[in-house]
Amino acid sequence: QLSCLVKMVTLHGIPEDLDSYPKDLLLFLSPSDYAATGSCRQYFANIGKANLDVLQRESSQRKQLLLEALACLKIPSTQVNEANAEILGRLVCDLAGEYIKSSGGNLLKQLNQCESFLPDQEEAIRSVISSGNTTFGPPVAWSAFTLNELSGLIPIFDHSILQEIPK
């Protein structure tokens, strides 16, 4: 339905008020289509707020979106800073474990919104959390507020992390 809607909306060219359309609609446009109305950074900031799950997790379309986002943001390595993590939004859910490890705690806020993780992502998240080198600090110093902030990640914590958290 969204794919058909994009065809209807863009029948006479890309509308200038594209940012006012539902974010999920933008998943079916390419950054080059969007370039007429804004920057690729703005496009991916909007995509990061969309419900990526309307595209299958391992689909070529979703993989292509991530590759184009990394190119647009000029992320040369596997390290993503906080500003770029903010722009990527839910696209971080598709980053491989190596990105999660290299980026330290920069991605935790966005990863917290993901529906599910692949095994290498889970391992990387546990590694980052266990290191304690995040804005949340080590699990031994966490409060109820911290657990609330990381609530989406709790299901993947292993026993070693859980036993460190103060009662």
C-alpha atoms as a PDB file:
ATOM      1  CA  GLN A   1       0.000   0.000   0.000  1.00  0.00           C
ATOM      2  CA  LEU A   2       2.777   2.409   0.892  1.00  0.00           C
ATOM      3  CA  SER A   3       4.583   1.642  -2.358  1.00  0.00           C
ATOM      4  CA  CYS A   4       1.426   2.469  -4.331  1.00  0.00           C
ATOM      5  CA  LEU A   5       0.879   5.624  -2.307  1.00  0.00           C
ATOM      6  CA  VAL A   6       4.411   6.822  -3.125  1.00  0.00           C
ATOM      7  CA  LYS A   7       3.660   6.372  -6.827  1.00  0.00           C
ATOM      8  CA  MET A   8       0.507   8.462  -6.460  1.00  0.00           C
ATOM      9  CA  VAL A   9       2.199  11.197  -4.394  1.00  0.00           C
ATOM     10  CA  THR A  10       5.151  11.458  -6.786  1.00  0.00           C
ATOM     11  CA  LEU A  11       3.154  11.166 -10.024  1.00  0.00           C
ATOM     12  CA  HIS A  12       3.818  14.820 -10.899  1.00  0.00           C
ATOM     13  CA  GLY A  13       7.243  15.037  -9.267  1.00  0.00           C
ATOM     14  CA  ILE A  14       8.407  15.094  -5.686  1.00  0.00           C
ATOM     15  CA  PRO A  15       6.171  17.357  -3.565  1.00  0.00           C
ATOM     16  CA  GLU A  16       7.991  20.150  -1.732  1.00  0.00           C
ATOM     17  CA  ASP A  17       6.190  19.353   1.521  1.00  0.00           C
ATOM     18  CA  LEU A  18       7.473  15.765   1.584  1.00  0.00           C
ATOM     19  CA  ASP A  19       8.569  16.134   5.227  1.00  0.00           C
ATOM     20  CA  SER A  20       4.921  16.496   6.229  1.00  0.00           C
ATOM     21  CA  TYR A  21       4.043  13.037   4.852  1.00  0.00           C
ATOM     22  CA  PRO A  22       4.143   9.932   7.082  1.00  0.00           C
ATOM     23  CA  LYS A  23       7.753   8.823   7.657  1.00  0.00           C
ATOM     24  CA  ASP A  24       6.945   5.234   6.593  1.00  0.00           C
ATOM     25  CA  LEU A  25       6.178   6.553   3.104  1.00  0.00           C
ATOM     26  CA  LEU A  26       9.771   7.718   2.725  1.00  0.00           C
ATOM     27  CA  LEU A  27      10.996   4.119   2.969  1.00  0.00           C
ATOM     28  CA  PHE A  28       9.830   3.677  -0.620  1.00  0.00           C
ATOM     29  CA  LEU A  29      11.712   6.688  -1.990  1.00  0.00           C
ATOM     30  CA  SER A  30      15.416   6.823  -2.652  1.00  0.00           C
ATOM     31  CA  PRO A  31      17.661   9.572  -1.269  1.00  0.00           C
ATOM     32  CA  SER A  32      18.117  10.862  -4.829  1.00  0.00           C
ATOM     33  CA  ASP A  33      14.327  11.256  -5.146  1.00  0.00           C
ATOM     34  CA  TYR A  34      14.323  13.174  -1.883  1.00  0.00           C
ATOM     35  CA  ALA A  35      17.346  15.328  -2.796  1.00  0.00           C
ATOM     36  CA  ALA A  36      15.109  17.810  -4.628  1.00  0.00           C
ATOM     37  CA  THR A  37      13.409  18.784  -1.355  1.00  0.00           C
ATOM     38  CA  GLY A  38      16.169  18.367   1.203  1.00  0.00           C
ATOM     39  CA  SER A  39      19.512  16.855   2.077  1.00  0.00           C
ATOM     40  CA  CYS A  40      20.280  13.164   2.393  1.00  0.00           C
ATOM     41  CA  ARG A  41      20.929  13.807   6.110  1.00  0.00           C
ATOM     42  CA  GLN A  42      17.367  15.092   6.484  1.00  0.00           C
ATOM     43  CA  TYR A  43      16.045  12.130   4.508  1.00  0.00           C
ATOM     44  CA  PHE A  44      17.791   9.625   6.778  1.00  0.00           C
ATOM     45  CA  ALA A  45      16.772  11.531   9.914  1.00  0.00           C
ATOM     46  CA  ASN A  46      13.174  11.015   8.741  1.00  0.00           C
ATOM     47  CA  ILE A  47      13.821   7.383   7.777  1.00  0.00           C
ATOM     48  CA  GLY A  48      15.280   6.809  11.250  1.00  0.00           C
ATOM     49  CA  LYS A  49      11.884   7.712  12.706  1.00  0.00           C
ATOM     50  CA  ALA A  50       9.953   5.422  10.346  1.00  0.00           C
ATOM     51  CA  ASN A  51       8.727   1.940  11.173  1.00  0.00           C
ATOM     52  CA  LEU A  52      11.454  -0.046   9.414  1.00  0.00           C
ATOM     53  CA  ASP A  53       9.562  -3.248  10.076  1.00  0.00           C
ATOM     54  CA  VAL A  54       7.285  -2.510   7.099  1.00  0.00           C
ATOM     55  CA  LEU A  55      10.317  -3.789   5.160  1.00  0.00           C
ATOM     56  CA  GLN A  56      11.555  -7.316   5.889  1.00  0.00           C
ATOM     57  CA  ARG A  57      14.629  -7.318   8.099  1.00  0.00           C
ATOM     58  CA  GLU A  58      17.030  -8.947   5.645  1.00  0.00           C
ATOM     59  CA  SER A  59      15.461  -7.425   2.505  1.00  0.00           C
ATOM     60  CA  SER A  60      17.737  -5.904  -0.117  1.00  0.00           C
ATOM     61  CA  GLN A  61      15.752  -2.654   0.135  1.00  0.00           C
ATOM     62  CA  ARG A  62      16.434  -2.343   3.860  1.00  0.00           C
ATOM     63  CA  LYS A  63      20.124  -3.261   3.450  1.00  0.00           C
ATOM     64  CA  GLN A  64      20.432  -0.664   0.675  1.00  0.00           C
ATOM     65  CA  LEU A  65      18.892   2.022   2.914  1.00  0.00           C
ATOM     66  CA  LEU A  66      21.535   1.329   5.576  1.00  0.00           C
ATOM     67  CA  LEU A  67      24.390   1.396   3.052  1.00  0.00           C
ATOM     68  CA  GLU A  68      23.148   4.684   1.597  1.00  0.00           C
ATOM     69  CA  ALA A  69      22.746   6.157   5.081  1.00  0.00           C
ATOM     70  CA  LEU A  70      26.322   5.246   6.032  1.00  0.00           C
ATOM     71  CA  ALA A  71      27.568   6.796   2.768  1.00  0.00           C
ATOM     72  CA  CYS A  72      25.465   9.952   3.212  1.00  0.00           C
ATOM     73  CA  LEU A  73      26.695  10.456   6.773  1.00  0.00           C
ATOM     74  CA  LYS A  74      30.265   9.734   5.629  1.00  0.00           C
ATOM     75  CA  ILE A  75      30.785   7.029   8.241  1.00  0.00           C
ATOM     76  CA  PRO A  76      34.078   5.558   6.981  1.00  0.00           C
ATOM     77  CA  SER A  77      34.621   2.878   9.593  1.00  0.00           C
ATOM     78  CA  THR A  78      32.505   0.862  11.983  1.00  0.00           C
ATOM     79  CA  GLN A  79      32.536   3.638  14.580  1.00  0.00           C
ATOM     80  CA  VAL A  80      29.327   5.694  14.769  1.00  0.00           C
ATOM     81  CA  ASN A  81      29.279   8.863  16.876  1.00  0.00           C
ATOM     82  CA  GLU A  82      26.277  10.036  18.900  1.00  0.00           C
ATOM     83  CA  ALA A  83      25.190  12.668  16.368  1.00  0.00           C
ATOM     84  CA  ASN A  84      25.102  10.140  13.528  1.00  0.00           C
ATOM     85  CA  ALA A  85      23.409   7.561  15.763  1.00  0.00           C
ATOM     86  CA  GLU A  86      20.677  10.133  16.384  1.00  0.00           C
ATOM     87  CA  ILE A  87      20.196  10.649  12.638  1.00  0.00           C
ATOM     88  CA  LEU A  88      20.215   6.902  11.910  1.00  0.00           C
ATOM     89  CA  GLY A  89      17.518   6.344  14.530  1.00  0.00           C
ATOM     90  CA  ARG A  90      15.963   2.911  14.017  1.00  0.00           C
ATOM     91  CA  LEU A  91      18.392   2.134  11.191  1.00  0.00           C
ATOM     92  CA  VAL A  92      20.924   1.238  13.917  1.00  0.00           C
ATOM     93  CA  CYS A  93      18.851  -1.914  14.441  1.00  0.00           C
ATOM     94  CA  ASP A  94      20.406  -3.218  11.218  1.00  0.00           C
ATOM     95  CA  LEU A  95      24.028  -2.446  12.096  1.00  0.00           C
ATOM     96  CA  ALA A  96      26.266  -5.478  12.505  1.00  0.00           C
ATOM     97  CA  GLY A  97      27.802  -6.355  15.854  1.00  0.00           C
ATOM     98  CA  GLU A  98      31.159  -4.862  14.854  1.00  0.00           C
ATOM     99  CA  TYR A  99      29.511  -1.415  14.604  1.00  0.00           C
ATOM    100  CA  ILE A 100      27.919  -1.829  18.032  1.00  0.00           C
ATOM    101  CA  LYS A 101      31.248  -2.820  19.633  1.00  0.00           C
ATOM    102  CA  SER A 102      33.236  -0.053  17.888  1.00  0.00           C
ATOM    103  CA  SER A 103      30.708   2.618  18.779  1.00  0.00           C
ATOM    104  CA  GLY A 104      30.673   1.833  22.490  1.00  0.00           C
ATOM    105  CA  GLY A 105      27.602   3.226  24.186  1.00  0.00           C
ATOM    106  CA  ASN A 106      26.770   5.662  21.352  1.00  0.00           C
ATOM    107  CA  LEU A 107      24.112   3.350  19.903  1.00  0.00           C
ATOM    108  CA  LEU A 108      22.405   2.080  23.079  1.00  0.00           C
ATOM    109  CA  LYS A 109      19.631   4.691  23.074  1.00  0.00           C
ATOM    110  CA  GLN A 110      18.618   3.786  19.515  1.00  0.00           C
ATOM    111  CA  LEU A 111      19.174   0.026  19.967  1.00  0.00           C
ATOM    112  CA  ASN A 112      16.739   0.190  22.862  1.00  0.00           C
ATOM    113  CA  GLN A 113      13.938   0.744  20.286  1.00  0.00           C
ATOM    114  CA  CYS A 114      14.705  -2.366  18.191  1.00  0.00           C
ATOM    115  CA  GLU A 115      12.188  -5.210  18.045  1.00  0.00           C
ATOM    116  CA  SER A 116      14.764  -7.998  17.803  1.00  0.00           C
ATOM    117  CA  PHE A 117      18.470  -8.652  17.414  1.00  0.00           C
ATOM    118  CA  LEU A 118      20.691 -11.054  15.533  1.00  0.00           C
ATOM    119  CA  PRO A 119      23.097 -13.161  17.647  1.00  0.00           C
ATOM    120  CA  ASP A 120      26.177 -11.053  16.774  1.00  0.00           C
ATOM    121  CA  GLN A 121      24.281  -7.898  17.755  1.00  0.00           C
ATOM    122  CA  GLU A 122      23.241  -9.406  21.096  1.00  0.00           C
ATOM    123  CA  GLU A 123      26.817 -10.419  21.835  1.00  0.00           C
ATOM    124  CA  ALA A 124      28.087  -6.937  20.953  1.00  0.00           C
ATOM    125  CA  ILE A 125      25.466  -5.222  23.149  1.00  0.00           C
ATOM    126  CA  ARG A 126      26.373  -7.461  26.101  1.00  0.00           C
ATOM    127  CA  SER A 127      30.053  -6.686  25.520  1.00  0.00           C
ATOM    128  CA  VAL A 128      29.436  -2.917  25.488  1.00  0.00           C
ATOM    129  CA  ILE A 129      27.200  -3.066  28.580  1.00  0.00           C
ATOM    130  CA  SER A 130      29.664  -5.278  30.488  1.00  0.00           C
ATOM    131  CA  SER A 131      32.568  -2.934  29.716  1.00  0.00           C
ATOM    132  CA  GLY A 132      30.871  -0.175  31.708  1.00  0.00           C
ATOM    133  CA  ASN A 133      32.306   2.375  29.249  1.00  0.00           C
ATOM    134  CA  THR A 134      28.937   3.946  28.474  1.00  0.00           C
ATOM    135  CA  THR A 135      27.082   6.986  29.769  1.00  0.00           C
ATOM    136  CA  PHE A 136      25.167   4.527  31.975  1.00  0.00           C
ATOM    137  CA  GLY A 137      28.343   3.275  33.654  1.00  0.00           C
ATOM    138  CA  PRO A 138      28.860  -0.307  34.817  1.00  0.00           C
ATOM    139  CA  PRO A 139      25.781  -2.395  35.731  1.00  0.00           C
ATOM    140  CA  VAL A 140      26.859  -2.355  39.395  1.00  0.00           C
ATOM    141  CA  ALA A 141      26.130   1.407  39.469  1.00  0.00           C
ATOM    142  CA  TRP A 142      22.728   1.281  37.767  1.00  0.00           C
ATOM    143  CA  SER A 143      19.503   2.563  39.276  1.00  0.00           C
ATOM    144  CA  ALA A 144      15.853   1.928  38.478  1.00  0.00           C
ATOM    145  CA  PHE A 145      16.069   4.941  36.131  1.00  0.00           C
ATOM    146  CA  THR A 146      18.916   3.281  34.187  1.00  0.00           C
ATOM    147  CA  LEU A 147      16.945   0.062  33.844  1.00  0.00           C
ATOM    148  CA  ASN A 148      13.992   2.048  32.577  1.00  0.00           C
ATOM    149  CA  GLU A 149      16.229   3.780  30.002  1.00  0.00           C
ATOM    150  CA  LEU A 150      17.547   0.398  28.811  1.00  0.00           C
ATOM    151  CA  SER A 151      14.278  -1.534  29.133  1.00  0.00           C
ATOM    152  CA  GLY A 152      14.288  -2.705  25.498  1.00  0.00           C
ATOM    153  CA  LEU A 153      17.708  -4.312  25.959  1.00  0.00           C
ATOM    154  CA  ILE A 154      17.040  -6.147  29.240  1.00  0.00           C
ATOM    155  CA  PRO A 155      15.830  -9.366  27.533  1.00  0.00           C
ATOM    156  CA  ILE A 156      19.275  -9.909  26.019  1.00  0.00           C
ATOM    157  CA  PHE A 157      21.265  -9.335  29.228  1.00  0.00           C
ATOM    158  CA  ASP A 158      22.972 -12.501  30.367  1.00  0.00           C
ATOM    159  CA  HIS A 159      23.335 -13.793  33.924  1.00  0.00           C
ATOM    160  CA  SER A 160      26.681 -12.045  34.494  1.00  0.00           C
ATOM    161  CA  ILE A 161      25.135  -8.632  33.734  1.00  0.00           C
ATOM    162  CA  LEU A 162      21.921  -9.263  35.656  1.00  0.00           C
ATOM    163  CA  GLN A 163      23.701 -10.354  38.847  1.00  0.00           C
ATOM    164  CA  GLU A 164      25.744  -7.128  38.922  1.00  0.00           C
ATOM    165  CA  ILE A 165      22.688  -4.861  38.922  1.00  0.00           C
ATOM    166  CA  PRO A 166      21.889  -3.657  42.466  1.00  0.00           C
ATOM    167  CA  LYS A 167      18.598  -4.887  43.888  1.00  0.00           C
END
